Amino acid sequence: MQTGWRIGSLFGIPLLIDYSWLIILVLATSEYASSYRNGGPVLSWSAGLAIALLLFGSVLLHELGHSLVAMSQGIKVNSITLFLFGGVASIESESKTPGQAFQVAIAGPLVSFGIFLILGLGSQVLPPTNLLASLVKSIAERVAEINLVLGLFNLIPGLPLDGGQVLKAAIWKITGSRFAGVRWAAKTGQVLGWLAVAFGLALCLLAGEYGGLWIALIGGFAIRNATAYSRFTSLQEALLKTTASDAMSREFRVVDADSTLREFADRYLLEVNPFPFYVAAAHGRDLGLVSIDDIRFTERSQWPIQTLHNILKPLEKTTTVSEKASLAEVINTMESGQLPRIIILSPIGSVVGTIDRGDVVKVLAKHLKPTISEADIKRSKEENSYPQGLQLSAIAKTAQD
């Protein structure tokens, strides 16, 4: 979900500014303005604001580099957001191969290094003929340095940084497993994050350098996001490795398709806990589905005359998946058709089970972090919904893409 202010779009990609961006804009403007105090308050604050805005422009181009390469691979980019720690491109799905993943990852740092070279060389040939030219030269040099640092910093080999994405692609290439790549890159990101927290706090407490708090904060951000990457990928892996047969329940009953509606109603209509549907079968073969509503919507006068053959929904016209289908396929099929549940078929075409959203949550409960309670599992089953904040439909889509 997009949050923050939309300020426009580039190449069809919405550009957003998070509210936290205003904090860093003020801090960056103040920090850079301090270098130009000799020029007076107007010049110093103008220069500081210009550098701060060019910094975020550089971050925007950095993220645009990732986004354009992703789009060239047919991947949708939902947005680019500037926020407290820089920027992030919301890319809808993974690259198909480790080589393509490497291309997306390295594109951002290459843009930053390109800006460094252009501004660095430009500042060298710009003659400081007057105060304004000298100021422009100085700002160009400063922004060039910032982009060099931005490019190098992002190559640190740990998620969520670009270097972590490069490491993920490399391990993916070596092992053949994208999930192994993410796990190793996430672990590296967590270790580096804890080192940054320890170093920052040591600077603050032992050396009195309060800038260390910023380093510790960045480390905490890295830990949180690396952990989120790891959990997200573990859930994706679970969705691909768990099959429909692992999650299905047998919440149906097989009935004789030759039964009249009256016979069916007398036997099943008044049950305290009726099944959501019934499987009508004849001669040992499942023919289709019958629901209680199918009976109720038929004229009572027809009940003794019509059989279940007349009202059943044939299996070939019903959305189904095989019992060997992955849970990701089950969720995607269920969500694409906005179905309350999906029917599971055996290799010979017989109904062997059914899965609703509560069944999905129940089988995934052991993979969810934080763990989900029995009460939440029960609520998901009763309401046929996923717990609030658990975007299983989106996760399943990226798992299969």
Protein backbone atom coordinates (compact mmCIF):
# COMPACT_ATOMS: atom_id res chain seq x y z
CA MET A 1 0.00 0.00 0.00
CA GLN A 2 1.36 3.44 -0.95
CA THR A 3 1.88 5.90 1.89
CA GLY A 4 3.04 9.51 1.87
CA TRP A 5 2.60 12.32 -0.60
CA ARG A 6 2.57 11.68 -4.32
CA ILE A 7 4.67 14.32 -6.07
CA GLY A 8 4.44 13.03 -9.63
CA SER A 9 5.65 10.11 -11.73
CA LEU A 10 8.55 9.11 -13.95
CA PHE A 11 8.21 6.50 -16.70
CA GLY A 12 4.81 5.68 -15.26
CA ILE A 13 6.22 5.04 -11.77
CA PRO A 14 4.49 7.02 -8.97
CA LEU A 15 6.94 9.11 -6.92
CA LEU A 16 6.12 9.39 -3.22
CA ILE A 17 7.58 11.29 -0.28
CA ASP A 18 7.23 9.74 3.16
CA TYR A 19 6.57 12.09 6.07
CA SER A 20 9.91 11.11 7.64
CA TRP A 21 11.67 12.61 4.62
CA LEU A 22 10.99 16.10 5.98
CA ILE A 23 13.07 15.27 9.07
CA ILE A 24 16.16 14.31 7.12
CA LEU A 25 15.65 17.22 4.70
CA VAL A 26 15.86 19.69 7.59
CA LEU A 27 18.84 17.89 9.17
CA ALA A 28 20.71 17.61 5.88
CA THR A 29 20.07 21.26 5.00
CA SER A 30 21.37 22.35 8.40
CA GLU A 31 24.43 20.11 8.16
CA TYR A 32 25.44 21.22 4.67
CA ALA A 33 24.65 24.89 5.38
CA SER A 34 27.26 24.88 8.15
CA SER A 35 29.98 24.52 5.51
CA TYR A 36 29.01 27.85 3.90
CA ARG A 37 28.60 30.09 6.93
CA ASN A 38 31.24 32.52 5.69
CA GLY A 39 28.91 33.48 2.84
CA GLY A 40 26.18 34.74 5.16
CA PRO A 41 22.90 33.14 6.27
CA VAL A 42 21.06 33.46 2.95
CA LEU A 43 23.84 31.92 0.89
CA SER A 44 24.67 29.20 3.44
CA TRP A 45 21.08 28.04 3.89
CA SER A 46 20.43 28.21 0.14
CA ALA A 47 23.52 26.12 -0.54
CA GLY A 48 22.56 23.66 2.21
CA LEU A 49 19.04 23.28 0.82
CA ALA A 50 20.36 22.87 -2.73
CA ILE A 51 22.75 20.09 -1.66
CA ALA A 52 20.03 18.37 0.39
CA LEU A 53 17.62 18.43 -2.55
CA LEU A 54 20.33 17.23 -4.95
CA LEU A 55 21.09 14.44 -2.48
CA PHE A 56 17.52 13.22 -2.66
CA GLY A 57 17.51 13.73 -6.41
CA SER A 58 20.52 11.42 -6.52
CA VAL A 59 18.70 8.87 -4.36
CA LEU A 60 15.72 9.11 -6.70
CA LEU A 61 17.91 8.44 -9.76
CA HIS A 62 19.57 5.57 -7.88
CA GLU A 63 16.18 3.93 -7.28
CA LEU A 64 15.08 4.75 -10.80
CA GLY A 65 18.09 2.76 -12.03
CA HIS A 66 16.79 -0.33 -10.20
CA SER A 67 13.27 0.32 -11.43
CA LEU A 68 14.04 0.74 -15.13
CA VAL A 69 16.09 -2.46 -15.25
CA ALA A 70 13.28 -4.30 -13.44
CA MET A 71 10.74 -2.92 -15.91
CA SER A 72 12.93 -4.05 -18.83
CA GLN A 73 12.49 -7.59 -17.42
CA GLY A 74 8.71 -7.23 -17.43
CA ILE A 75 8.48 -6.61 -13.68
CA LYS A 76 5.98 -4.02 -12.47
CA VAL A 77 7.29 -1.20 -10.26
CA ASN A 78 4.55 0.08 -7.96
CA SER A 79 6.30 3.22 -6.68
CA ILE A 80 9.50 4.92 -5.60
CA THR A 81 9.40 6.42 -2.11
CA LEU A 82 11.82 8.86 -0.49
CA PHE A 83 11.95 8.48 3.27
CA LEU A 84 14.15 8.94 6.35
CA PHE A 85 16.87 6.48 5.31
CA GLY A 86 16.97 7.39 1.63
CA GLY A 87 14.71 5.74 -0.91
CA VAL A 88 13.09 2.47 -1.87
CA ALA A 89 11.62 1.14 -5.10
CA SER A 90 8.55 -1.05 -4.57
CA ILE A 91 9.13 -3.82 -7.12
CA GLU A 92 6.22 -6.25 -7.45
CA SER A 93 8.08 -9.50 -8.10
CA GLU A 94 11.48 -11.17 -8.24
CA SER A 95 13.69 -11.49 -11.31
CA LYS A 96 13.49 -14.87 -13.02
CA THR A 97 17.21 -15.68 -12.94
CA PRO A 98 20.20 -14.79 -10.74
CA GLY A 99 21.73 -12.92 -13.66
CA GLN A 100 18.66 -10.71 -13.97
CA ALA A 101 18.56 -10.22 -10.18
CA PHE A 102 22.19 -9.07 -10.32
CA GLN A 103 21.36 -6.58 -13.08
CA VAL A 104 18.54 -5.02 -11.02
CA ALA A 105 20.72 -4.89 -7.90
CA ILE A 106 23.82 -3.36 -9.48
CA ALA A 107 21.89 -0.75 -11.52
CA GLY A 108 21.42 1.60 -8.54
CA PRO A 109 25.11 1.81 -7.52
CA LEU A 110 26.13 2.19 -11.18
CA VAL A 111 23.82 5.22 -11.45
CA SER A 112 25.40 6.71 -8.31
CA PHE A 113 28.92 6.13 -9.67
CA GLY A 114 27.84 7.65 -12.99
CA ILE A 115 26.60 10.80 -11.22
CA PHE A 116 29.88 10.93 -9.28
CA LEU A 117 31.91 10.83 -12.50
CA ILE A 118 29.76 13.38 -14.34
CA LEU A 119 29.66 15.91 -11.50
CA GLY A 120 33.26 15.23 -10.49
CA LEU A 121 34.58 15.85 -13.98
CA GLY A 122 32.18 18.75 -14.50
CA SER A 123 33.36 20.50 -11.33
CA GLN A 124 36.97 20.22 -12.49
CA VAL A 125 36.37 21.99 -15.79
CA LEU A 126 34.06 24.65 -14.30
CA PRO A 127 36.12 27.85 -13.89
CA PRO A 128 35.53 29.68 -10.58
CA THR A 129 35.25 33.07 -12.30
CA ASN A 130 32.97 34.60 -9.69
CA LEU A 131 31.25 33.85 -6.39
CA LEU A 132 28.28 32.10 -8.02
CA ALA A 133 30.49 29.91 -10.21
CA SER A 134 32.61 29.02 -7.19
CA LEU A 135 29.48 28.11 -5.26
CA VAL A 136 28.15 25.91 -8.10
CA LYS A 137 31.56 24.22 -8.38
CA SER A 138 31.63 23.56 -4.65
CA ILE A 139 28.09 22.15 -4.63
CA ALA A 140 28.87 19.91 -7.63
CA GLU A 141 31.95 18.56 -5.84
CA ARG A 142 29.97 17.90 -2.67
CA VAL A 143 27.12 16.10 -4.49
CA ALA A 144 29.70 14.06 -6.44
CA GLU A 145 31.27 12.95 -3.16
CA ILE A 146 27.84 12.09 -1.75
CA ASN A 147 27.09 9.87 -4.75
CA LEU A 148 30.43 8.10 -4.40
CA VAL A 149 29.64 7.37 -0.76
CA LEU A 150 26.06 6.38 -1.67
CA GLY A 151 27.28 3.92 -4.29
CA LEU A 152 29.97 2.40 -2.07
CA PHE A 153 27.70 2.21 1.00
CA ASN A 154 25.01 0.40 -0.98
CA LEU A 155 27.55 -2.23 -2.07
CA ILE A 156 27.98 -3.45 1.52
CA PRO A 157 27.08 -7.16 1.12
CA GLY A 158 24.05 -7.48 3.35
CA LEU A 159 20.31 -7.05 2.92
CA PRO A 160 18.50 -4.69 2.58
CA LEU A 161 21.38 -2.93 0.76
CA ASP A 162 22.10 -3.43 -2.93
CA GLY A 163 25.26 -5.33 -2.03
CA GLY A 164 23.03 -7.79 -0.21
CA GLN A 165 20.98 -8.22 -3.38
CA VAL A 166 24.22 -8.83 -5.32
CA LEU A 167 25.28 -11.41 -2.72
CA LYS A 168 21.85 -13.03 -2.97
CA ALA A 169 22.20 -13.29 -6.76
CA ALA A 170 25.70 -14.79 -6.42
CA ILE A 171 24.63 -17.47 -3.93
CA TRP A 172 21.51 -18.14 -6.00
CA LYS A 173 23.78 -18.73 -9.01
CA ILE A 174 26.11 -21.03 -7.04
CA THR A 175 23.45 -23.06 -5.19
CA GLY A 176 20.60 -22.85 -7.68
CA SER A 177 18.31 -21.70 -4.85
CA ARG A 178 16.96 -18.17 -4.59
CA PHE A 179 15.86 -18.92 -1.04
CA ALA A 180 19.41 -19.89 -0.02
CA GLY A 181 20.62 -16.61 -1.50
CA VAL A 182 18.15 -14.57 0.51
CA ARG A 183 18.90 -16.46 3.74
CA TRP A 184 22.65 -15.88 3.49
CA ALA A 185 22.29 -12.24 2.44
CA ALA A 186 19.77 -11.62 5.25
CA LYS A 187 22.09 -13.21 7.85
CA THR A 188 24.94 -11.03 6.62
CA GLY A 189 22.70 -7.97 6.85
CA GLN A 190 21.72 -8.85 10.42
CA VAL A 191 25.36 -9.32 11.47
CA LEU A 192 26.43 -6.05 9.86
CA GLY A 193 23.42 -4.30 11.41
CA TRP A 194 24.38 -5.48 14.91
CA LEU A 195 27.98 -4.38 14.31
CA ALA A 196 26.71 -0.94 13.29
CA VAL A 197 24.55 -0.72 16.41
CA ALA A 198 27.48 -1.72 18.64
CA PHE A 199 29.88 0.67 16.91
CA GLY A 200 27.43 3.55 17.02
CA LEU A 201 26.64 3.10 20.69
CA ALA A 202 30.34 2.76 21.50
CA LEU A 203 31.05 6.05 19.71
CA CYS A 204 28.26 7.74 21.62
CA LEU A 205 28.94 6.34 25.09
CA LEU A 206 32.73 6.02 25.08
CA ALA A 207 33.82 8.86 22.80
CA GLY A 208 30.95 11.27 23.29
CA GLU A 209 30.27 11.34 19.53
CA TYR A 210 26.51 11.69 19.31
CA GLY A 211 26.65 11.05 15.59
CA GLY A 212 27.08 7.45 16.66
CA LEU A 213 23.37 7.37 17.47
CA TRP A 214 22.67 7.84 13.77
CA ILE A 215 24.94 4.89 12.92
CA ALA A 216 23.16 2.78 15.55
CA LEU A 217 19.79 3.82 14.12
CA ILE A 218 20.85 2.80 10.62
CA GLY A 219 22.07 -0.51 12.04
CA GLY A 220 18.70 -1.08 13.69
CA PHE A 221 16.96 -0.32 10.41
CA ALA A 222 19.20 -2.85 8.64
CA ILE A 223 18.47 -5.54 11.25
CA ARG A 224 14.72 -5.01 11.00
CA ASN A 225 14.66 -5.12 7.22
CA ALA A 226 17.05 -8.06 6.90
CA THR A 227 14.86 -9.98 9.34
CA ALA A 228 11.76 -9.02 7.34
CA TYR A 229 13.43 -10.28 4.14
CA SER A 230 14.24 -13.58 5.84
CA ARG A 231 10.71 -14.07 7.18
CA PHE A 232 9.11 -13.11 3.88
CA THR A 233 11.28 -15.55 1.97
CA SER A 234 10.69 -18.35 4.48
CA LEU A 235 6.96 -17.86 3.99
CA GLN A 236 7.35 -17.88 0.21
CA GLU A 237 9.32 -21.11 0.46
CA ALA A 238 6.64 -22.66 2.68
CA LEU A 239 3.95 -21.67 0.15
CA LEU A 240 5.84 -23.44 -2.62
CA LYS A 241 6.77 -26.56 -0.66
CA THR A 242 3.42 -27.09 1.07
CA THR A 243 0.96 -28.94 -1.15
CA ALA A 244 -2.80 -28.80 -1.33
CA SER A 245 -3.03 -32.24 0.24
CA ASP A 246 -1.13 -30.91 3.30
CA ALA A 247 -3.68 -28.15 3.88
CA MET A 248 -7.01 -29.57 2.72
CA SER A 249 -9.88 -30.60 4.95
CA ARG A 250 -12.67 -33.04 4.14
CA GLU A 251 -15.57 -30.66 4.72
CA PHE A 252 -17.89 -32.31 2.23
CA ARG A 253 -20.01 -35.44 1.90
CA VAL A 254 -20.47 -37.72 -1.10
CA VAL A 255 -24.13 -38.26 -2.00
CA ASP A 256 -25.95 -40.33 -4.61
CA ALA A 257 -26.60 -38.24 -7.72
CA ASP A 258 -29.72 -40.33 -8.42
CA SER A 259 -31.36 -39.12 -5.17
CA THR A 260 -34.36 -36.82 -5.56
CA LEU A 261 -34.20 -33.36 -4.08
CA ARG A 262 -36.82 -34.48 -1.52
CA GLU A 263 -34.67 -37.42 -0.45
CA PHE A 264 -31.63 -35.16 -0.18
CA ALA A 265 -33.55 -32.50 1.79
CA ASP A 266 -35.04 -35.01 4.23
CA ARG A 267 -31.64 -36.44 4.96
CA TYR A 268 -29.31 -33.41 4.94
CA LEU A 269 -31.21 -30.11 4.90
CA LEU A 270 -31.98 -30.07 8.62
CA GLU A 271 -28.48 -31.02 9.79
CA VAL A 272 -27.24 -28.79 12.61
CA ASN A 273 -23.89 -28.24 10.91
CA PRO A 274 -24.45 -28.77 7.20
CA PHE A 275 -21.45 -29.12 4.91
CA PRO A 276 -20.66 -26.15 2.63
CA PHE A 277 -21.21 -28.43 -0.36
CA TYR A 278 -21.90 -32.04 -1.27
CA VAL A 279 -20.31 -34.14 -3.99
CA ALA A 280 -22.85 -35.88 -6.19
CA ALA A 281 -21.57 -39.21 -7.50
CA ALA A 282 -22.92 -42.05 -9.62
CA HIS A 283 -21.42 -45.41 -10.60
CA GLY A 284 -18.30 -44.69 -8.54
CA ARG A 285 -17.52 -41.40 -10.28
CA ASP A 286 -17.78 -37.87 -8.86
CA LEU A 287 -19.98 -35.81 -11.17
CA GLY A 288 -20.35 -32.39 -9.58
CA LEU A 289 -21.13 -30.25 -6.57
CA VAL A 290 -24.43 -29.59 -4.83
CA SER A 291 -24.96 -26.91 -2.19
CA ILE A 292 -27.85 -26.38 0.24
CA ASP A 293 -28.73 -23.17 -1.60
CA ASP A 294 -29.14 -25.16 -4.84
CA ILE A 295 -31.94 -27.06 -3.13
CA ARG A 296 -33.59 -24.06 -1.49
CA PHE A 297 -33.73 -22.09 -4.74
CA THR A 298 -35.64 -24.90 -6.46
CA GLU A 299 -39.43 -24.91 -6.36
CA ARG A 300 -40.72 -27.25 -3.64
CA SER A 301 -43.09 -28.87 -6.11
CA GLN A 302 -40.06 -30.08 -8.07
CA TRP A 303 -38.33 -31.73 -5.12
CA PRO A 304 -40.00 -35.15 -5.52
CA ILE A 305 -39.42 -35.07 -9.29
CA GLN A 306 -35.94 -33.72 -9.92
CA THR A 307 -32.78 -35.56 -8.96
CA LEU A 308 -29.41 -34.12 -8.00
CA HIS A 309 -28.38 -34.61 -11.63
CA ASN A 310 -30.62 -31.64 -12.48
CA ILE A 311 -28.98 -29.12 -10.14
CA LEU A 312 -25.37 -30.25 -9.68
CA LYS A 313 -22.51 -28.09 -10.94
CA PRO A 314 -20.27 -30.33 -13.08
CA LEU A 315 -16.68 -30.69 -11.85
CA GLU A 316 -15.36 -29.67 -15.27
CA LYS A 317 -17.10 -26.30 -14.81
CA THR A 318 -15.76 -25.88 -11.28
CA THR A 319 -12.44 -24.25 -10.43
CA THR A 320 -10.22 -26.95 -8.98
CA VAL A 321 -6.55 -27.75 -8.34
CA SER A 322 -4.75 -31.06 -7.98
CA GLU A 323 -3.75 -32.39 -4.58
CA LYS A 324 -0.09 -31.95 -5.58
CA ALA A 325 -0.51 -28.25 -6.35
CA SER A 326 1.54 -25.86 -4.21
CA LEU A 327 -0.22 -23.76 -1.61
CA ALA A 328 0.90 -20.69 -3.57
CA GLU A 329 -1.07 -21.98 -6.58
CA VAL A 330 -4.07 -22.70 -4.35
CA ILE A 331 -4.07 -19.16 -2.93
CA ASN A 332 -3.55 -17.51 -6.33
CA THR A 333 -6.35 -19.55 -7.90
CA MET A 334 -8.69 -18.82 -5.01
CA GLU A 335 -7.92 -15.07 -5.03
CA SER A 336 -8.07 -14.64 -8.82
CA GLY A 337 -11.59 -16.09 -8.83
CA GLN A 338 -12.60 -14.49 -5.51
CA LEU A 339 -13.64 -17.95 -4.32
CA PRO A 340 -14.59 -18.73 -0.71
CA ARG A 341 -12.86 -22.10 -1.07
CA ILE A 342 -11.31 -24.31 -3.70
CA ILE A 343 -11.90 -27.97 -4.53
CA ILE A 344 -8.98 -30.41 -4.52
CA LEU A 345 -8.95 -33.31 -6.99
CA SER A 346 -7.04 -36.58 -6.98
CA PRO A 347 -5.11 -37.72 -10.08
CA ILE A 348 -8.18 -39.70 -11.21
CA GLY A 349 -10.46 -36.66 -10.91
CA SER A 350 -12.23 -37.45 -7.64
CA VAL A 351 -12.87 -34.80 -4.99
CA VAL A 352 -10.49 -35.46 -2.09
CA GLY A 353 -10.76 -32.23 -0.12
CA THR A 354 -11.41 -28.53 0.07
CA ILE A 355 -9.34 -25.56 1.20
CA ASP A 356 -10.52 -22.20 2.49
CA ARG A 357 -8.49 -19.32 3.92
CA GLY A 358 -8.74 -20.72 7.42
CA ASP A 359 -7.14 -23.97 6.25
CA VAL A 360 -4.31 -21.96 4.68
CA VAL A 361 -3.63 -20.07 7.92
CA LYS A 362 -3.75 -23.28 9.96
CA VAL A 363 -1.13 -25.10 7.90
CA LEU A 364 1.13 -22.03 7.71
CA ALA A 365 0.88 -21.18 11.40
CA LYS A 366 4.23 -22.77 12.24
CA HIS A 367 5.97 -20.65 9.60
CA LEU A 368 4.47 -17.32 10.69
CA LYS A 369 6.46 -14.85 12.76
CA PRO A 370 5.28 -13.67 15.18
CA THR A 371 3.45 -16.91 15.79
CA ILE A 372 -0.28 -16.91 15.33
CA SER A 373 -2.52 -18.01 18.19
CA GLU A 374 -5.09 -20.80 18.13
CA ALA A 375 -7.77 -18.14 18.62
CA ASP A 376 -6.62 -16.32 15.47
CA ILE A 377 -6.54 -19.58 13.53
CA LYS A 378 -10.08 -20.33 14.67
CA ARG A 379 -11.22 -16.81 13.74
CA SER A 380 -9.68 -17.15 10.28
CA LYS A 381 -11.55 -20.41 9.83
CA GLU A 382 -14.87 -18.97 10.97
CA GLU A 383 -14.54 -15.77 8.95
CA ASN A 384 -12.77 -17.42 5.99
CA SER A 385 -10.18 -14.64 5.98
CA TYR A 386 -6.49 -14.08 6.56
CA PRO A 387 -5.35 -12.37 9.78
CA GLN A 388 -5.12 -8.60 9.52
CA GLY A 389 -1.75 -7.47 8.17
CA LEU A 390 -0.88 -10.87 6.67
CA GLN A 391 -0.81 -10.23 2.92
CA LEU A 392 -0.81 -13.88 1.88
CA SER A 393 -2.34 -13.19 -1.52
CA ALA A 394 0.52 -10.80 -2.40
CA ILE A 395 3.18 -13.15 -1.00
CA ALA A 396 1.75 -16.09 -2.95
CA LYS A 397 1.76 -14.05 -6.16
CA THR A 398 5.44 -13.14 -5.80
CA ALA A 399 6.29 -16.74 -4.88
CA GLN A 400 4.93 -18.03 -8.19
CA ASP A 401 6.12 -15.17 -10.40
